[in-house]
Amino acid sequence: MTLAGQNALVLGGGSGMGEAIALALAKEGVNVAIAGRRLEKLDAVAAQSTQNENEILTHTGDVGDRESVKALFEWFAGKFDRLHLLVNSAGVNVPKRSMGELSPEDWDKLMRINATGAFNCMHFGLPLMRPHKAGLIINISSIAGLRASHLGGVGYNASKFAMNALGTSASGDELENNIRITTICPGEVDTPILDDRPVPPNAEHRATILKATDVAEMVIAVAKLPARAHVPELTIKPTSQLFV
């Protein structure tokens, strides 16, 4: 199925997996808008789009701020006639992540961005899909949302479990509207979020793990499926990483 001419909004599109997803969609002929907190990063991503691709539009937005998300979707609705694809790829972690180290403020931050942020975007995005009885939402979660590991940390794990449950629950609620929700759970991916680990991985380790483009290819594959086909959950991990 061709994606050319569809309209997509990618949250967290200024770096990492969001950046790779936005560029991959643009190459498929999708009309792409990206949002994030720093306009200069968004504009740098948009500048990578070639002359043969559709222009990538940019708009600032903080997924954890409900009014900011509302304004973002109002802007999007003013630019496009409908929303075909929503990708929630905004996410954070913190260096001090064990139960003994995690501060209440960082717990709130992780839940606000990773879990509530996805809810906010779905809350304002679904009304743009329901009238058309069609649409696809892809939430970029983590293996940490399937298995609570020490590596991810208490708050990150909890926020990603919440994100997974949100997608599963909302997917059932939206069956009558023919809206599909897919949760993608990557393992280790070489993105800037790794810099927030207590001990960031070295170059040798980064060379063995997934690249953001690997996840982007999965997004494209899911988006190209016909409307009759729904992938509720998809896990992708480095070959070298245990799935335990």
C-alpha atoms as a PDB file:
ATOM      1  CA  MET A   1       0.000   0.000   0.000  1.00  0.00           C
ATOM      2  CA  THR A   2       1.351   3.420  -0.892  1.00  0.00           C
ATOM      3  CA  LEU A   3       1.602   6.109   1.773  1.00  0.00           C
ATOM      4  CA  ALA A   4       1.975   8.971  -0.694  1.00  0.00           C
ATOM      5  CA  GLY A   5      -0.403  11.814   0.016  1.00  0.00           C
ATOM      6  CA  GLN A   6      -1.196  10.784   3.581  1.00  0.00           C
ATOM      7  CA  ASN A   7      -0.746  13.232   6.458  1.00  0.00           C
ATOM      8  CA  ALA A   8       1.350  12.375   9.512  1.00  0.00           C
ATOM      9  CA  LEU A   9       2.267  14.065  12.767  1.00  0.00           C
ATOM     10  CA  VAL A  10       5.398  12.831  14.555  1.00  0.00           C
ATOM     11  CA  LEU A  11       5.900  13.808  18.186  1.00  0.00           C
ATOM     12  CA  GLY A  12       9.509  13.894  19.344  1.00  0.00           C
ATOM     13  CA  GLY A  13      10.537  14.487  15.743  1.00  0.00           C
ATOM     14  CA  GLY A  14      13.596  16.565  16.531  1.00  0.00           C
ATOM     15  CA  SER A  15      15.998  13.717  17.265  1.00  0.00           C
ATOM     16  CA  GLY A  16      16.476   9.979  17.621  1.00  0.00           C
ATOM     17  CA  MET A  17      13.737   7.644  16.469  1.00  0.00           C
ATOM     18  CA  GLY A  18      11.282  10.470  15.812  1.00  0.00           C
ATOM     19  CA  GLU A  19      13.724  12.114  13.430  1.00  0.00           C
ATOM     20  CA  ALA A  20      14.368   8.871  11.560  1.00  0.00           C
ATOM     21  CA  ILE A  21      10.639   8.116  11.342  1.00  0.00           C
ATOM     22  CA  ALA A  22       9.812  11.580  10.003  1.00  0.00           C
ATOM     23  CA  LEU A  23      12.489  11.395   7.302  1.00  0.00           C
ATOM     24  CA  ALA A  24      11.430   7.880   6.301  1.00  0.00           C
ATOM     25  CA  LEU A  25       7.800   8.964   5.972  1.00  0.00           C
ATOM     26  CA  ALA A  26       8.789  11.978   3.863  1.00  0.00           C
ATOM     27  CA  LYS A  27      10.670   9.661   1.500  1.00  0.00           C
ATOM     28  CA  GLU A  28       7.433   7.697   1.082  1.00  0.00           C
ATOM     29  CA  GLY A  29       5.636  10.835  -0.082  1.00  0.00           C
ATOM     30  CA  VAL A  30       3.825  11.489   3.201  1.00  0.00           C
ATOM     31  CA  ASN A  31       2.960  15.047   4.220  1.00  0.00           C
ATOM     32  CA  VAL A  32       4.865  15.183   7.515  1.00  0.00           C
ATOM     33  CA  ALA A  33       4.675  17.564  10.447  1.00  0.00           C
ATOM     34  CA  ILE A  34       7.023  17.158  13.401  1.00  0.00           C
ATOM     35  CA  ALA A  35       6.757  18.586  16.887  1.00  0.00           C
ATOM     36  CA  GLY A  36       9.016  18.890  19.893  1.00  0.00           C
ATOM     37  CA  ARG A  37      10.206  21.360  22.472  1.00  0.00           C
ATOM     38  CA  ARG A  38      13.147  22.862  20.555  1.00  0.00           C
ATOM     39  CA  LEU A  39      12.365  24.527  17.241  1.00  0.00           C
ATOM     40  CA  GLU A  40      15.991  24.640  16.117  1.00  0.00           C
ATOM     41  CA  LYS A  41      16.230  20.843  16.285  1.00  0.00           C
ATOM     42  CA  LEU A  42      12.961  20.442  14.406  1.00  0.00           C
ATOM     43  CA  ASP A  43      14.080  22.838  11.683  1.00  0.00           C
ATOM     44  CA  ALA A  44      17.381  20.948  11.354  1.00  0.00           C
ATOM     45  CA  VAL A  45      15.449  17.746  10.701  1.00  0.00           C
ATOM     46  CA  ALA A  46      13.154  19.452   8.201  1.00  0.00           C
ATOM     47  CA  ALA A  47      16.195  20.804   6.357  1.00  0.00           C
ATOM     48  CA  GLN A  48      17.302  17.217   5.626  1.00  0.00           C
ATOM     49  CA  SER A  49      14.298  16.636   3.391  1.00  0.00           C
ATOM     50  CA  THR A  50      15.448  16.585  -0.235  1.00  0.00           C
ATOM     51  CA  GLN A  51      13.980  18.465  -3.160  1.00  0.00           C
ATOM     52  CA  ASN A  52      12.165  15.329  -4.314  1.00  0.00           C
ATOM     53  CA  GLU A  53      10.336  14.949  -1.003  1.00  0.00           C
ATOM     54  CA  ASN A  54       7.456  16.824   0.556  1.00  0.00           C
ATOM     55  CA  GLU A  55       8.367  19.682   2.869  1.00  0.00           C
ATOM     56  CA  ILE A  56       8.412  18.722   6.546  1.00  0.00           C
ATOM     57  CA  LEU A  57       6.481  21.237   8.634  1.00  0.00           C
ATOM     58  CA  THR A  58       7.578  22.055  12.181  1.00  0.00           C
ATOM     59  CA  HIS A  59       5.807  23.260  15.310  1.00  0.00           C
ATOM     60  CA  THR A  60       6.896  23.439  18.919  1.00  0.00           C
ATOM     61  CA  GLY A  61       5.002  21.477  21.519  1.00  0.00           C
ATOM     62  CA  ASP A  62       5.486  19.873  24.922  1.00  0.00           C
ATOM     63  CA  VAL A  63       3.602  16.569  25.083  1.00  0.00           C
ATOM     64  CA  GLY A  64       3.416  16.821  28.872  1.00  0.00           C
ATOM     65  CA  ASP A  65       1.626  20.176  28.688  1.00  0.00           C
ATOM     66  CA  ARG A  66      -2.009  19.570  27.713  1.00  0.00           C
ATOM     67  CA  GLU A  67      -2.652  23.111  26.520  1.00  0.00           C
ATOM     68  CA  SER A  68       0.477  22.969  24.380  1.00  0.00           C
ATOM     69  CA  VAL A  69      -0.722  19.704  22.821  1.00  0.00           C
ATOM     70  CA  LYS A  70      -4.164  21.158  22.204  1.00  0.00           C
ATOM     71  CA  ALA A  71      -2.617  24.129  20.386  1.00  0.00           C
ATOM     72  CA  LEU A  72      -0.423  21.786  18.338  1.00  0.00           C
ATOM     73  CA  PHE A  73      -3.355  19.734  17.075  1.00  0.00           C
ATOM     74  CA  GLU A  74      -5.371  22.868  16.322  1.00  0.00           C
ATOM     75  CA  TRP A  75      -2.433  24.059  14.220  1.00  0.00           C
ATOM     76  CA  PHE A  76      -2.228  20.684  12.465  1.00  0.00           C
ATOM     77  CA  ALA A  77      -5.960  20.697  11.712  1.00  0.00           C
ATOM     78  CA  GLY A  78      -5.526  24.122  10.139  1.00  0.00           C
ATOM     79  CA  LYS A  79      -2.785  22.830   7.849  1.00  0.00           C
ATOM     80  CA  PHE A  80      -4.198  19.462   6.769  1.00  0.00           C
ATOM     81  CA  ASP A  81      -7.651  18.180   5.903  1.00  0.00           C
ATOM     82  CA  ARG A  82      -7.237  15.066   8.072  1.00  0.00           C
ATOM     83  CA  LEU A  83      -4.785  13.052  10.175  1.00  0.00           C
ATOM     84  CA  HIS A  84      -3.884   9.632   8.773  1.00  0.00           C
ATOM     85  CA  LEU A  85      -0.932   8.712  11.004  1.00  0.00           C
ATOM     86  CA  LEU A  86       0.069   9.834  14.487  1.00  0.00           C
ATOM     87  CA  VAL A  87       3.450   8.731  15.849  1.00  0.00           C
ATOM     88  CA  ASN A  88       4.143   9.242  19.555  1.00  0.00           C
ATOM     89  CA  SER A  89       7.920   8.975  19.872  1.00  0.00           C
ATOM     90  CA  ALA A  90       8.655  11.617  22.504  1.00  0.00           C
ATOM     91  CA  GLY A  91      10.329  10.050  25.515  1.00  0.00           C
ATOM     92  CA  VAL A  92      12.893  10.691  28.248  1.00  0.00           C
ATOM     93  CA  ASN A  93      14.816   8.971  31.001  1.00  0.00           C
ATOM     94  CA  VAL A  94      16.967  10.227  33.874  1.00  0.00           C
ATOM     95  CA  PRO A  95      20.421   9.190  35.143  1.00  0.00           C
ATOM     96  CA  LYS A  96      19.354   8.522  38.747  1.00  0.00           C
ATOM     97  CA  ARG A  97      16.765   5.845  38.132  1.00  0.00           C
ATOM     98  CA  SER A  98      16.920   3.194  40.879  1.00  0.00           C
ATOM     99  CA  MET A  99      14.294   3.236  43.640  1.00  0.00           C
ATOM    100  CA  GLY A 100      16.814   4.589  46.111  1.00  0.00           C
ATOM    101  CA  GLU A 101      17.971   7.382  43.790  1.00  0.00           C
ATOM    102  CA  LEU A 102      14.879   8.384  41.809  1.00  0.00           C
ATOM    103  CA  SER A 103      13.484  11.682  43.039  1.00  0.00           C
ATOM    104  CA  PRO A 104       9.715  12.305  43.179  1.00  0.00           C
ATOM    105  CA  GLU A 105      10.255  15.162  40.737  1.00  0.00           C
ATOM    106  CA  ASP A 106      11.911  12.863  38.197  1.00  0.00           C
ATOM    107  CA  TRP A 107       9.170  10.253  38.688  1.00  0.00           C
ATOM    108  CA  ASP A 108       6.602  12.926  37.841  1.00  0.00           C
ATOM    109  CA  LYS A 109       8.654  14.018  34.808  1.00  0.00           C
ATOM    110  CA  LEU A 110       8.893  10.479  33.421  1.00  0.00           C
ATOM    111  CA  MET A 111       5.197   9.787  33.853  1.00  0.00           C
ATOM    112  CA  ARG A 112       4.213  13.215  32.509  1.00  0.00           C
ATOM    113  CA  ILE A 113       6.202  12.900  29.280  1.00  0.00           C
ATOM    114  CA  ASN A 114       6.279   9.166  28.555  1.00  0.00           C
ATOM    115  CA  ALA A 115       2.787   8.139  29.660  1.00  0.00           C
ATOM    116  CA  THR A 116       0.593  11.232  30.033  1.00  0.00           C
ATOM    117  CA  GLY A 117       2.254  12.729  26.955  1.00  0.00           C
ATOM    118  CA  ALA A 118       1.059   9.825  24.823  1.00  0.00           C
ATOM    119  CA  PHE A 119      -2.424  10.119  26.318  1.00  0.00           C
ATOM    120  CA  ASN A 120      -2.527  13.855  25.601  1.00  0.00           C
ATOM    121  CA  CYS A 121      -1.617  13.340  21.943  1.00  0.00           C
ATOM    122  CA  MET A 122      -4.133  10.539  21.509  1.00  0.00           C
ATOM    123  CA  HIS A 123      -6.811  12.585  23.273  1.00  0.00           C
ATOM    124  CA  PHE A 124      -6.479  15.415  20.759  1.00  0.00           C
ATOM    125  CA  GLY A 125      -5.476  13.278  17.772  1.00  0.00           C
ATOM    126  CA  LEU A 126      -8.305  10.742  17.789  1.00  0.00           C
ATOM    127  CA  PRO A 127     -11.043  13.350  17.119  1.00  0.00           C
ATOM    128  CA  LEU A 128      -9.251  14.133  13.846  1.00  0.00           C
ATOM    129  CA  MET A 129      -9.496  10.455  12.838  1.00  0.00           C
ATOM    130  CA  ARG A 130     -12.907   9.356  14.097  1.00  0.00           C
ATOM    131  CA  PRO A 131     -15.041  11.260  11.538  1.00  0.00           C
ATOM    132  CA  HIS A 132     -13.180   9.427   8.750  1.00  0.00           C
ATOM    133  CA  LYS A 133     -13.532   6.001  10.381  1.00  0.00           C
ATOM    134  CA  ALA A 134      -9.838   5.407   9.702  1.00  0.00           C
ATOM    135  CA  GLY A 135      -6.425   6.164  11.106  1.00  0.00           C
ATOM    136  CA  LEU A 136      -3.283   4.682  12.574  1.00  0.00           C
ATOM    137  CA  ILE A 137      -1.529   5.585  15.812  1.00  0.00           C
ATOM    138  CA  ILE A 138       1.945   4.215  16.485  1.00  0.00           C
ATOM    139  CA  ASN A 139       3.287   4.558  20.017  1.00  0.00           C
ATOM    140  CA  ILE A 140       7.034   4.104  20.358  1.00  0.00           C
ATOM    141  CA  SER A 141       7.401   2.406  23.720  1.00  0.00           C
ATOM    142  CA  SER A 142      10.221   0.103  24.843  1.00  0.00           C
ATOM    143  CA  ILE A 143      11.073  -3.435  25.866  1.00  0.00           C
ATOM    144  CA  ALA A 144      11.032  -1.800  29.302  1.00  0.00           C
ATOM    145  CA  GLY A 145       7.257  -1.694  28.890  1.00  0.00           C
ATOM    146  CA  LEU A 146       7.183  -5.476  28.632  1.00  0.00           C
ATOM    147  CA  ARG A 147       9.865  -6.476  31.125  1.00  0.00           C
ATOM    148  CA  ALA A 148      10.831  -4.219  34.025  1.00  0.00           C
ATOM    149  CA  SER A 149      14.621  -4.330  33.957  1.00  0.00           C
ATOM    150  CA  HIS A 150      17.159  -2.662  36.212  1.00  0.00           C
ATOM    151  CA  LEU A 151      18.615  -0.957  33.150  1.00  0.00           C
ATOM    152  CA  GLY A 152      15.525   1.139  32.432  1.00  0.00           C
ATOM    153  CA  GLY A 153      14.901   2.128  36.027  1.00  0.00           C
ATOM    154  CA  VAL A 154      11.796   2.334  38.185  1.00  0.00           C
ATOM    155  CA  GLY A 155      10.145   5.398  36.677  1.00  0.00           C
ATOM    156  CA  TYR A 156      10.955   4.673  33.043  1.00  0.00           C
ATOM    157  CA  ASN A 157       9.732   1.083  33.319  1.00  0.00           C
ATOM    158  CA  ALA A 158       6.484   2.178  34.966  1.00  0.00           C
ATOM    159  CA  SER A 159       5.878   4.894  32.384  1.00  0.00           C
ATOM    160  CA  LYS A 160       6.410   2.484  29.493  1.00  0.00           C
ATOM    161  CA  PHE A 161       4.164  -0.182  31.031  1.00  0.00           C
ATOM    162  CA  ALA A 162       1.543   2.566  31.250  1.00  0.00           C
ATOM    163  CA  MET A 163       2.101   3.525  27.615  1.00  0.00           C
ATOM    164  CA  ASN A 164       1.684  -0.093  26.509  1.00  0.00           C
ATOM    165  CA  ALA A 165      -1.534  -0.470  28.498  1.00  0.00           C
ATOM    166  CA  LEU A 166      -2.834   2.808  27.100  1.00  0.00           C
ATOM    167  CA  GLY A 167      -2.360   1.594  23.530  1.00  0.00           C
ATOM    168  CA  THR A 168      -3.936  -1.810  24.189  1.00  0.00           C
ATOM    169  CA  SER A 169      -6.945  -0.347  25.990  1.00  0.00           C
ATOM    170  CA  ALA A 170      -7.593   2.472  23.535  1.00  0.00           C
ATOM    171  CA  SER A 171      -7.228   0.088  20.605  1.00  0.00           C
ATOM    172  CA  GLY A 172     -10.246  -1.868  21.822  1.00  0.00           C
ATOM    173  CA  ASP A 173     -12.226   1.299  22.379  1.00  0.00           C
ATOM    174  CA  GLU A 174     -11.562   2.500  18.826  1.00  0.00           C
ATOM    175  CA  LEU A 175     -12.509  -0.709  17.010  1.00  0.00           C
ATOM    176  CA  GLU A 176     -15.873   0.770  16.028  1.00  0.00           C
ATOM    177  CA  ASN A 177     -14.011   3.660  14.382  1.00  0.00           C
ATOM    178  CA  ASN A 178     -11.638   1.357  12.470  1.00  0.00           C
ATOM    179  CA  ILE A 179      -8.683   3.151  14.071  1.00  0.00           C
ATOM    180  CA  ARG A 180      -5.645   0.967  14.623  1.00  0.00           C
ATOM    181  CA  ILE A 181      -3.175   1.518  17.451  1.00  0.00           C
ATOM    182  CA  THR A 182       0.224  -0.174  17.349  1.00  0.00           C
ATOM    183  CA  THR A 183       2.766  -0.198  20.166  1.00  0.00           C
ATOM    184  CA  ILE A 184       6.356  -0.716  19.029  1.00  0.00           C
ATOM    185  CA  CYS A 185       8.745  -1.890  21.760  1.00  0.00           C
ATOM    186  CA  PRO A 186      12.375  -1.443  20.733  1.00  0.00           C
ATOM    187  CA  GLY A 187      15.286  -2.845  22.654  1.00  0.00           C
ATOM    188  CA  GLU A 188      18.509  -0.853  22.833  1.00  0.00           C
ATOM    189  CA  VAL A 189      18.664   1.840  20.150  1.00  0.00           C
ATOM    190  CA  ASP A 190      21.604   4.143  19.495  1.00  0.00           C
ATOM    191  CA  THR A 191      19.894   7.473  20.205  1.00  0.00           C
ATOM    192  CA  PRO A 192      20.667  10.481  22.436  1.00  0.00           C
ATOM    193  CA  ILE A 193      18.597   9.031  25.315  1.00  0.00           C
ATOM    194  CA  LEU A 194      21.508   6.662  26.009  1.00  0.00           C
ATOM    195  CA  ASP A 195      23.521   9.659  27.184  1.00  0.00           C
ATOM    196  CA  ASP A 196      21.229   9.833  30.222  1.00  0.00           C
ATOM    197  CA  ARG A 197      22.293   6.424  31.494  1.00  0.00           C
ATOM    198  CA  PRO A 198      24.296   6.356  34.736  1.00  0.00           C
ATOM    199  CA  VAL A 199      27.151   4.993  32.588  1.00  0.00           C
ATOM    200  CA  PRO A 200      26.593   5.843  28.904  1.00  0.00           C
ATOM    201  CA  PRO A 201      27.565   2.970  26.561  1.00  0.00           C
ATOM    202  CA  ASN A 202      30.825   3.219  24.662  1.00  0.00           C
ATOM    203  CA  ALA A 203      31.214   3.342  20.903  1.00  0.00           C
ATOM    204  CA  GLU A 204      31.836  -0.400  20.658  1.00  0.00           C
ATOM    205  CA  HIS A 205      28.546  -1.192  22.379  1.00  0.00           C
ATOM    206  CA  ARG A 206      26.612   1.366  20.345  1.00  0.00           C
ATOM    207  CA  ALA A 207      27.884  -0.287  17.181  1.00  0.00           C
ATOM    208  CA  THR A 208      26.142  -3.554  18.094  1.00  0.00           C
ATOM    209  CA  ILE A 209      22.674  -2.195  18.893  1.00  0.00           C
ATOM    210  CA  LEU A 210      19.765  -0.957  16.798  1.00  0.00           C
ATOM    211  CA  LYS A 211      19.849   2.272  14.832  1.00  0.00           C
ATOM    212  CA  ALA A 212      16.927   4.680  14.762  1.00  0.00           C
ATOM    213  CA  THR A 213      16.467   3.844  11.082  1.00  0.00           C
ATOM    214  CA  ASP A 214      15.723   0.213  12.006  1.00  0.00           C
ATOM    215  CA  VAL A 215      12.729   1.344  14.046  1.00  0.00           C
ATOM    216  CA  ALA A 216      11.690   3.739  11.272  1.00  0.00           C
ATOM    217  CA  GLU A 217      11.567   0.812   8.835  1.00  0.00           C
ATOM    218  CA  MET A 218       9.172  -1.004  11.193  1.00  0.00           C
ATOM    219  CA  VAL A 219       6.923   2.068  11.302  1.00  0.00           C
ATOM    220  CA  ILE A 220       6.826   2.174   7.517  1.00  0.00           C
ATOM    221  CA  ALA A 221       6.044  -1.547   7.340  1.00  0.00           C
ATOM    222  CA  VAL A 222       3.150  -1.237   9.788  1.00  0.00           C
ATOM    223  CA  ALA A 223       1.802   1.883   8.073  1.00  0.00           C
ATOM    224  CA  LYS A 224       1.818   0.169   4.671  1.00  0.00           C
ATOM    225  CA  LEU A 225      -0.453  -2.649   5.810  1.00  0.00           C
ATOM    226  CA  PRO A 226      -4.024  -2.508   4.487  1.00  0.00           C
ATOM    227  CA  ALA A 227      -6.692  -1.159   6.832  1.00  0.00           C
ATOM    228  CA  ARG A 228      -7.961  -4.686   7.451  1.00  0.00           C
ATOM    229  CA  ALA A 229      -4.646  -5.657   9.112  1.00  0.00           C
ATOM    230  CA  HIS A 230      -3.735  -4.555  12.625  1.00  0.00           C
ATOM    231  CA  VAL A 231      -0.462  -5.121  14.494  1.00  0.00           C
ATOM    232  CA  PRO A 232      -1.276  -4.508  18.183  1.00  0.00           C
ATOM    233  CA  GLU A 233       2.290  -4.854  19.426  1.00  0.00           C
ATOM    234  CA  LEU A 234       5.696  -5.302  17.828  1.00  0.00           C
ATOM    235  CA  THR A 235       9.059  -5.940  19.487  1.00  0.00           C
ATOM    236  CA  ILE A 236      12.378  -5.267  17.768  1.00  0.00           C
ATOM    237  CA  LYS A 237      15.708  -5.725  19.501  1.00  0.00           C
ATOM    238  CA  PRO A 238      19.406  -6.012  18.693  1.00  0.00           C
ATOM    239  CA  THR A 239      20.477  -9.541  17.860  1.00  0.00           C
ATOM    240  CA  SER A 240      23.007  -9.260  20.695  1.00  0.00           C
ATOM    241  CA  GLN A 241      20.423  -8.324  23.346  1.00  0.00           C
ATOM    242  CA  LEU A 242      18.736 -10.953  25.490  1.00  0.00           C
ATOM    243  CA  PHE A 243      14.939 -10.845  25.548  1.00  0.00           C
ATOM    244  CA  VAL A 244      14.433 -11.555  29.239  1.00  0.00           C
END
